[in-house]
Every structure is written in C-alpha cells, then in structure tokens.
Amino acid sequence: MQPRLELLTEEQVDRILDEAFQLLQEHGIKVQSAEARRLLAEAGAQVDEAKQVAYIPESVVRRALAKLLKIELAIPHHGRQAGSPRKAKSKRPSKAS
C-alpha cells in the first residue's frame, strides 16, 4: 500500500472547483479555433463568435471529464494495468554516465 498525501482538504478542493466552474461559465474562455468553438457549442456551451469566447457550464465540463475518465481507465499505459495510478515523471535530467 502506498502512502497517501493530501495537500488540500475536501472543502478546499470543492471551493477551487466551484470557482473554476463559475469562471468558465460567467467569464468564459477565449477559443481561437472555430472548430473547437463549434464543438463546444454542440456540447452545450454558449459561444460568442465575435469575441471568440466560449461560456462553458459546469454540466458540460463534468460530462467531458467523465468521458475522459472512462477513456483513461480503459487504456493500459506502458506496462501498468488500466486504471492504476500513474507514476510522476521526474523533471530532473538524467545523469550522463
């Protein structure tokens, strides 16, 4: 069993998510790709074509994340079982021998 480190409380995570959802829906995000704006609109986002801004509701984000999670769990990654946690890659350069 691996030790579990929690840097944020559940309440802090909830607050971060709530504020992120609020920003995406109320202020939107600039999307320069016309194709990406079209896909977001089809998924349920409100798109201002003149400003190239998509206002993305929480429900759209949650659906996308749920689909991504299903895909992630279904695809094995380099010798580990599907659904097992990834190991963080070291950002340190390897030492030359």
C-alpha atoms as a PDB file:
ATOM      1  CA  MET A   1       0.000   0.000   0.000  1.00  0.00           C
ATOM      2  CA  GLN A   2       1.344   3.393  -0.971  1.00  0.00           C
ATOM      3  CA  PRO A   3       1.149   6.317   1.474  1.00  0.00           C
ATOM      4  CA  ARG A   4      -1.434   8.934   0.594  1.00  0.00           C
ATOM      5  CA  LEU A   5      -0.583  12.617   0.793  1.00  0.00           C
ATOM      6  CA  GLU A   6      -3.403  15.136   0.840  1.00  0.00           C
ATOM      7  CA  LEU A   7      -2.295  18.709   0.231  1.00  0.00           C
ATOM      8  CA  LEU A   8      -5.798  20.188   0.219  1.00  0.00           C
ATOM      9  CA  THR A   9      -8.850  19.447   2.303  1.00  0.00           C
ATOM     10  CA  GLU A  10     -12.025  18.253   0.601  1.00  0.00           C
ATOM     11  CA  GLU A  11     -13.549  21.671   1.300  1.00  0.00           C
ATOM     12  CA  GLN A  12     -10.616  23.436  -0.379  1.00  0.00           C
ATOM     13  CA  VAL A  13     -10.894  21.202  -3.453  1.00  0.00           C
ATOM     14  CA  ASP A  14     -14.649  21.889  -3.620  1.00  0.00           C
ATOM     15  CA  ARG A  15     -14.037  25.642  -3.409  1.00  0.00           C
ATOM     16  CA  ILE A  16     -11.429  25.534  -6.176  1.00  0.00           C
ATOM     17  CA  LEU A  17     -13.768  23.540  -8.413  1.00  0.00           C
ATOM     18  CA  ASP A  18     -16.738  25.796  -7.681  1.00  0.00           C
ATOM     19  CA  GLU A  19     -14.723  28.900  -8.546  1.00  0.00           C
ATOM     20  CA  ALA A  20     -13.310  27.308 -11.701  1.00  0.00           C
ATOM     21  CA  PHE A  21     -16.805  26.326 -12.866  1.00  0.00           C
ATOM     22  CA  GLN A  22     -18.041  29.839 -12.110  1.00  0.00           C
ATOM     23  CA  LEU A  23     -15.196  31.435 -14.101  1.00  0.00           C
ATOM     24  CA  LEU A  24     -15.770  29.180 -17.096  1.00  0.00           C
ATOM     25  CA  GLN A  25     -19.493  29.875 -17.149  1.00  0.00           C
ATOM     26  CA  GLU A  26     -19.589  33.588 -16.281  1.00  0.00           C
ATOM     27  CA  HIS A  27     -16.379  34.931 -17.829  1.00  0.00           C
ATOM     28  CA  GLY A  28     -15.728  32.258 -20.423  1.00  0.00           C
ATOM     29  CA  ILE A  29     -12.539  31.286 -22.124  1.00  0.00           C
ATOM     30  CA  LYS A  30     -11.025  32.603 -25.357  1.00  0.00           C
ATOM     31  CA  VAL A  31     -11.092  29.883 -28.009  1.00  0.00           C
ATOM     32  CA  GLN A  32      -9.373  30.867 -31.238  1.00  0.00           C
ATOM     33  CA  SER A  33     -10.185  27.660 -33.103  1.00  0.00           C
ATOM     34  CA  ALA A  34     -13.503  27.879 -34.963  1.00  0.00           C
ATOM     35  CA  GLU A  35     -13.748  24.068 -34.890  1.00  0.00           C
ATOM     36  CA  ALA A  36     -13.242  23.994 -31.112  1.00  0.00           C
ATOM     37  CA  ARG A  37     -15.917  26.693 -30.663  1.00  0.00           C
ATOM     38  CA  ARG A  38     -18.300  24.662 -32.814  1.00  0.00           C
ATOM     39  CA  LEU A  39     -17.666  21.521 -30.754  1.00  0.00           C
ATOM     40  CA  LEU A  40     -18.141  23.414 -27.506  1.00  0.00           C
ATOM     41  CA  ALA A  41     -21.417  24.879 -28.770  1.00  0.00           C
ATOM     42  CA  GLU A  42     -22.607  21.404 -29.782  1.00  0.00           C
ATOM     43  CA  ALA A  43     -21.748  20.188 -26.278  1.00  0.00           C
ATOM     44  CA  GLY A  44     -23.863  22.927 -24.695  1.00  0.00           C
ATOM     45  CA  ALA A  45     -21.576  25.929 -24.249  1.00  0.00           C
ATOM     46  CA  GLN A  46     -22.723  29.411 -25.197  1.00  0.00           C
ATOM     47  CA  VAL A  47     -20.336  30.839 -27.785  1.00  0.00           C
ATOM     48  CA  ASP A  48     -19.795  34.486 -28.690  1.00  0.00           C
ATOM     49  CA  GLU A  49     -18.311  34.213 -32.182  1.00  0.00           C
ATOM     50  CA  ALA A  50     -17.440  37.908 -32.393  1.00  0.00           C
ATOM     51  CA  LYS A  51     -15.323  37.728 -29.233  1.00  0.00           C
ATOM     52  CA  GLN A  52     -14.260  34.103 -29.814  1.00  0.00           C
ATOM     53  CA  VAL A  53     -15.295  33.300 -26.233  1.00  0.00           C
ATOM     54  CA  ALA A  54     -16.995  30.129 -25.008  1.00  0.00           C
ATOM     55  CA  TYR A  55     -19.045  30.220 -21.795  1.00  0.00           C
ATOM     56  CA  ILE A  56     -18.949  26.657 -20.557  1.00  0.00           C
ATOM     57  CA  PRO A  57     -21.479  25.434 -17.976  1.00  0.00           C
ATOM     58  CA  GLU A  58     -20.453  23.066 -15.192  1.00  0.00           C
ATOM     59  CA  SER A  59     -22.561  20.266 -16.686  1.00  0.00           C
ATOM     60  CA  VAL A  60     -20.552  20.397 -19.943  1.00  0.00           C
ATOM     61  CA  VAL A  61     -17.238  20.264 -18.072  1.00  0.00           C
ATOM     62  CA  ARG A  62     -18.398  17.379 -15.868  1.00  0.00           C
ATOM     63  CA  ARG A  63     -19.614  15.365 -18.890  1.00  0.00           C
ATOM     64  CA  ALA A  64     -16.271  15.882 -20.631  1.00  0.00           C
ATOM     65  CA  LEU A  65     -14.329  14.863 -17.523  1.00  0.00           C
ATOM     66  CA  ALA A  66     -16.485  11.766 -17.085  1.00  0.00           C
ATOM     67  CA  LYS A  67     -15.799  10.724 -20.677  1.00  0.00           C
ATOM     68  CA  LEU A  68     -12.091  11.360 -20.240  1.00  0.00           C
ATOM     69  CA  LEU A  69     -12.014   9.281 -17.066  1.00  0.00           C
ATOM     70  CA  LYS A  70     -13.730   6.377 -18.848  1.00  0.00           C
ATOM     71  CA  ILE A  71     -11.173   6.560 -21.646  1.00  0.00           C
ATOM     72  CA  GLU A  72      -8.261   6.791 -19.185  1.00  0.00           C
ATOM     73  CA  LEU A  73      -9.490   3.745 -17.258  1.00  0.00           C
ATOM     74  CA  ALA A  74      -9.947   1.723 -20.438  1.00  0.00           C
ATOM     75  CA  ILE A  75      -6.488   2.298 -21.929  1.00  0.00           C
ATOM     76  CA  PRO A  76      -3.474   0.463 -20.484  1.00  0.00           C
ATOM     77  CA  HIS A  77      -0.378   2.653 -20.143  1.00  0.00           C
ATOM     78  CA  HIS A  78       3.128   1.259 -20.634  1.00  0.00           C
ATOM     79  CA  GLY A  79       3.052  -1.865 -18.525  1.00  0.00           C
ATOM     80  CA  ARG A  80       0.612  -0.774 -15.852  1.00  0.00           C
ATOM     81  CA  GLN A  81      -2.927  -2.005 -15.611  1.00  0.00           C
ATOM     82  CA  ALA A  82      -5.725   0.185 -16.851  1.00  0.00           C
ATOM     83  CA  GLY A  83      -6.974   2.333 -14.013  1.00  0.00           C
ATOM     84  CA  SER A  84      -3.843   2.098 -11.886  1.00  0.00           C
ATOM     85  CA  PRO A  85      -2.282   5.414 -10.880  1.00  0.00           C
ATOM     86  CA  ARG A  86       0.444   6.961 -12.979  1.00  0.00           C
ATOM     87  CA  LYS A  87       3.852   7.493 -11.516  1.00  0.00           C
ATOM     88  CA  ALA A  88       5.048  11.065 -11.679  1.00  0.00           C
ATOM     89  CA  LYS A  89       7.864  11.577 -14.136  1.00  0.00           C
ATOM     90  CA  SER A  90      10.984  13.156 -12.753  1.00  0.00           C
ATOM     91  CA  LYS A  91      11.750  16.572 -14.204  1.00  0.00           C
ATOM     92  CA  ARG A  92      15.408  16.183 -13.382  1.00  0.00           C
ATOM     93  CA  PRO A  93      17.662  15.472 -16.348  1.00  0.00           C
ATOM     94  CA  SER A  94      19.251  12.046 -16.293  1.00  0.00           C
ATOM     95  CA  LYS A  95      22.881  11.914 -15.263  1.00  0.00           C
ATOM     96  CA  ALA A  96      25.308  11.147 -18.043  1.00  0.00           C
ATOM     97  CA  SER A  97      27.466   8.066 -17.401  1.00  0.00           C
END
